[in-house]
């Protein structure tokens, strides 16, 4: 198995840390985390495809029909993101907004 990029490892470690703090243990949850990270890789490939080919792609069905259609990676990206959010919810992980010291909380 190829070594994963640093960002992949950092995200997985962060999620494992959050699961530990939430006391989310067990093989089922570990498997869900692996699913999440697989979706993370798929998401990145879909984004790369959209960047490389654009939001529309040309097609030629070989029967004389040519044209332009939407890049199906866009729809797939939305589905992958939805699944990723569902997995995070199942793991009990919520997005936490970090605040820096410059934030004025006396609004």
C-alpha atoms as a PDB file:
ATOM      1  CA  UNK A   1       0.000   0.000   0.000  1.00  0.00           C
ATOM      2  CA  UNK A   2       1.346   3.412  -0.987  1.00  0.00           C
ATOM      3  CA  UNK A   3       2.080   5.972   1.699  1.00  0.00           C
ATOM      4  CA  UNK A   4      -0.738   8.476   2.093  1.00  0.00           C
ATOM      5  CA  UNK A   5      -0.094  12.228   1.698  1.00  0.00           C
ATOM      6  CA  UNK A   6       0.604  14.277   4.824  1.00  0.00           C
ATOM      7  CA  UNK A   7      -2.762  16.071   4.638  1.00  0.00           C
ATOM      8  CA  UNK A   8      -4.603  12.717   4.521  1.00  0.00           C
ATOM      9  CA  UNK A   9      -2.699  11.473   7.573  1.00  0.00           C
ATOM     10  CA  UNK A  10      -3.266  14.739   9.448  1.00  0.00           C
ATOM     11  CA  UNK A  11      -7.030  14.703   8.799  1.00  0.00           C
ATOM     12  CA  UNK A  12      -7.343  11.048   9.815  1.00  0.00           C
ATOM     13  CA  UNK A  13      -5.325  11.642  12.996  1.00  0.00           C
ATOM     14  CA  UNK A  14      -7.486  14.658  13.840  1.00  0.00           C
ATOM     15  CA  UNK A  15     -10.678  12.665  13.356  1.00  0.00           C
ATOM     16  CA  UNK A  16      -9.289   9.804  15.468  1.00  0.00           C
ATOM     17  CA  UNK A  17      -8.438  12.336  18.184  1.00  0.00           C
ATOM     18  CA  UNK A  18     -11.971  13.732  18.104  1.00  0.00           C
ATOM     19  CA  UNK A  19     -13.402  10.211  18.273  1.00  0.00           C
ATOM     20  CA  UNK A  20     -11.216   9.493  21.294  1.00  0.00           C
ATOM     21  CA  UNK A  21     -12.378  12.683  23.032  1.00  0.00           C
ATOM     22  CA  UNK A  22     -16.004  11.743  22.247  1.00  0.00           C
ATOM     23  CA  UNK A  23     -15.347   8.203  23.495  1.00  0.00           C
ATOM     24  CA  UNK A  24     -16.423   6.785  20.136  1.00  0.00           C
ATOM     25  CA  UNK A  25     -14.830   3.322  20.145  1.00  0.00           C
ATOM     26  CA  UNK A  26     -15.285   0.061  18.313  1.00  0.00           C
ATOM     27  CA  UNK A  27     -14.624  -1.650  15.020  1.00  0.00           C
ATOM     28  CA  UNK A  28     -17.816  -0.259  13.491  1.00  0.00           C
ATOM     29  CA  UNK A  29     -16.623   3.307  14.082  1.00  0.00           C
ATOM     30  CA  UNK A  30     -13.091   2.519  12.862  1.00  0.00           C
ATOM     31  CA  UNK A  31     -14.597   1.092   9.688  1.00  0.00           C
ATOM     32  CA  UNK A  32     -16.722   4.227   9.241  1.00  0.00           C
ATOM     33  CA  UNK A  33     -13.598   6.349   9.598  1.00  0.00           C
ATOM     34  CA  UNK A  34     -11.904   4.277   6.889  1.00  0.00           C
ATOM     35  CA  UNK A  35     -14.983   4.812   4.687  1.00  0.00           C
ATOM     36  CA  UNK A  36     -14.749   8.554   5.344  1.00  0.00           C
ATOM     37  CA  UNK A  37     -11.100   8.614   4.313  1.00  0.00           C
ATOM     38  CA  UNK A  38     -11.897   6.668   1.132  1.00  0.00           C
ATOM     39  CA  UNK A  39     -14.533   9.275   0.312  1.00  0.00           C
ATOM     40  CA  UNK A  40     -11.917  11.950   1.076  1.00  0.00           C
ATOM     41  CA  UNK A  41      -9.646  10.473  -1.604  1.00  0.00           C
ATOM     42  CA  UNK A  42     -12.545  10.168  -4.058  1.00  0.00           C
ATOM     43  CA  UNK A  43     -13.543  13.772  -3.381  1.00  0.00           C
ATOM     44  CA  UNK A  44     -10.040  14.952  -4.216  1.00  0.00           C
ATOM     45  CA  UNK A  45     -10.019  12.966  -7.467  1.00  0.00           C
ATOM     46  CA  UNK A  46     -13.389  14.439  -8.460  1.00  0.00           C
ATOM     47  CA  UNK A  47     -12.141  17.954  -7.742  1.00  0.00           C
ATOM     48  CA  UNK A  48      -9.037  17.262  -9.805  1.00  0.00           C
ATOM     49  CA  UNK A  49     -11.192  16.024 -12.700  1.00  0.00           C
ATOM     50  CA  UNK A  50     -13.348  19.162 -12.570  1.00  0.00           C
ATOM     51  CA  UNK A  51     -10.237  21.356 -12.536  1.00  0.00           C
ATOM     52  CA  UNK A  52      -8.694  19.437 -15.444  1.00  0.00           C
ATOM     53  CA  UNK A  53     -11.741  19.025 -17.689  1.00  0.00           C
ATOM     54  CA  UNK A  54     -13.959  21.903 -16.533  1.00  0.00           C
ATOM     55  CA  UNK A  55     -17.627  21.966 -15.653  1.00  0.00           C
ATOM     56  CA  UNK A  56     -18.624  20.860 -19.141  1.00  0.00           C
ATOM     57  CA  UNK A  57     -17.103  18.135 -21.316  1.00  0.00           C
ATOM     58  CA  UNK A  58     -17.395  17.326 -24.985  1.00  0.00           C
ATOM     59  CA  UNK A  59     -18.875  14.021 -26.012  1.00  0.00           C
ATOM     60  CA  UNK A  60     -18.946  11.965 -29.179  1.00  0.00           C
ATOM     61  CA  UNK A  61     -21.124   8.871 -29.038  1.00  0.00           C
ATOM     62  CA  UNK A  62     -19.678   7.469 -32.247  1.00  0.00           C
ATOM     63  CA  UNK A  63     -23.016   7.638 -34.032  1.00  0.00           C
ATOM     64  CA  UNK A  64     -22.439  11.100 -35.377  1.00  0.00           C
ATOM     65  CA  UNK A  65     -23.755  12.829 -32.285  1.00  0.00           C
ATOM     66  CA  UNK A  66     -21.402  15.330 -30.704  1.00  0.00           C
ATOM     67  CA  UNK A  67     -21.924  18.002 -28.172  1.00  0.00           C
ATOM     68  CA  UNK A  68     -21.192  19.337 -24.736  1.00  0.00           C
ATOM     69  CA  UNK A  69     -22.622  18.017 -21.502  1.00  0.00           C
ATOM     70  CA  UNK A  70     -22.072  18.753 -17.848  1.00  0.00           C
ATOM     71  CA  UNK A  71     -19.140  17.060 -16.187  1.00  0.00           C
ATOM     72  CA  UNK A  72     -20.677  14.233 -14.144  1.00  0.00           C
ATOM     73  CA  UNK A  73     -17.944  14.673 -11.542  1.00  0.00           C
ATOM     74  CA  UNK A  74     -19.807  17.726 -10.241  1.00  0.00           C
ATOM     75  CA  UNK A  75     -22.895  15.710  -9.308  1.00  0.00           C
ATOM     76  CA  UNK A  76     -20.750  12.929  -7.905  1.00  0.00           C
ATOM     77  CA  UNK A  77     -18.793  15.441  -5.805  1.00  0.00           C
ATOM     78  CA  UNK A  78     -22.014  16.667  -4.217  1.00  0.00           C
ATOM     79  CA  UNK A  79     -23.044  13.085  -3.387  1.00  0.00           C
ATOM     80  CA  UNK A  80     -19.635  12.262  -1.928  1.00  0.00           C
ATOM     81  CA  UNK A  81     -19.681  15.398   0.240  1.00  0.00           C
ATOM     82  CA  UNK A  82     -23.153  14.486   1.503  1.00  0.00           C
ATOM     83  CA  UNK A  83     -21.987  10.978   2.446  1.00  0.00           C
ATOM     84  CA  UNK A  84     -18.909  12.383   4.172  1.00  0.00           C
ATOM     85  CA  UNK A  85     -21.092  14.669   6.291  1.00  0.00           C
ATOM     86  CA  UNK A  86     -23.363  11.742   7.188  1.00  0.00           C
ATOM     87  CA  UNK A  87     -20.386   9.689   8.301  1.00  0.00           C
ATOM     88  CA  UNK A  88     -19.113  12.536  10.475  1.00  0.00           C
ATOM     89  CA  UNK A  89     -22.570  12.774  12.015  1.00  0.00           C
ATOM     90  CA  UNK A  90     -22.577   9.005  12.676  1.00  0.00           C
ATOM     91  CA  UNK A  91     -19.185   9.355  14.344  1.00  0.00           C
ATOM     92  CA  UNK A  92     -20.510  12.177  16.537  1.00  0.00           C
ATOM     93  CA  UNK A  93     -18.075  14.675  15.063  1.00  0.00           C
ATOM     94  CA  UNK A  94     -19.287  18.236  14.652  1.00  0.00           C
ATOM     95  CA  UNK A  95     -17.488  21.105  12.995  1.00  0.00           C
ATOM     96  CA  UNK A  96     -16.089  23.461  15.596  1.00  0.00           C
ATOM     97  CA  UNK A  97     -15.421  27.031  14.648  1.00  0.00           C
ATOM     98  CA  UNK A  98     -12.094  28.191  16.035  1.00  0.00           C
ATOM     99  CA  UNK A  99     -11.931  31.730  17.291  1.00  0.00           C
ATOM    100  CA  UNK A 100      -8.812  33.807  17.377  1.00  0.00           C
ATOM    101  CA  UNK A 101      -7.944  36.442  19.931  1.00  0.00           C
ATOM    102  CA  UNK A 102      -9.031  39.310  17.662  1.00  0.00           C
ATOM    103  CA  UNK A 103     -12.695  38.315  17.765  1.00  0.00           C
ATOM    104  CA  UNK A 104     -14.817  40.868  19.628  1.00  0.00           C
ATOM    105  CA  UNK A 105     -17.464  38.944  21.524  1.00  0.00           C
ATOM    106  CA  UNK A 106     -19.116  42.085  22.911  1.00  0.00           C
ATOM    107  CA  UNK A 107     -21.424  42.623  19.916  1.00  0.00           C
END
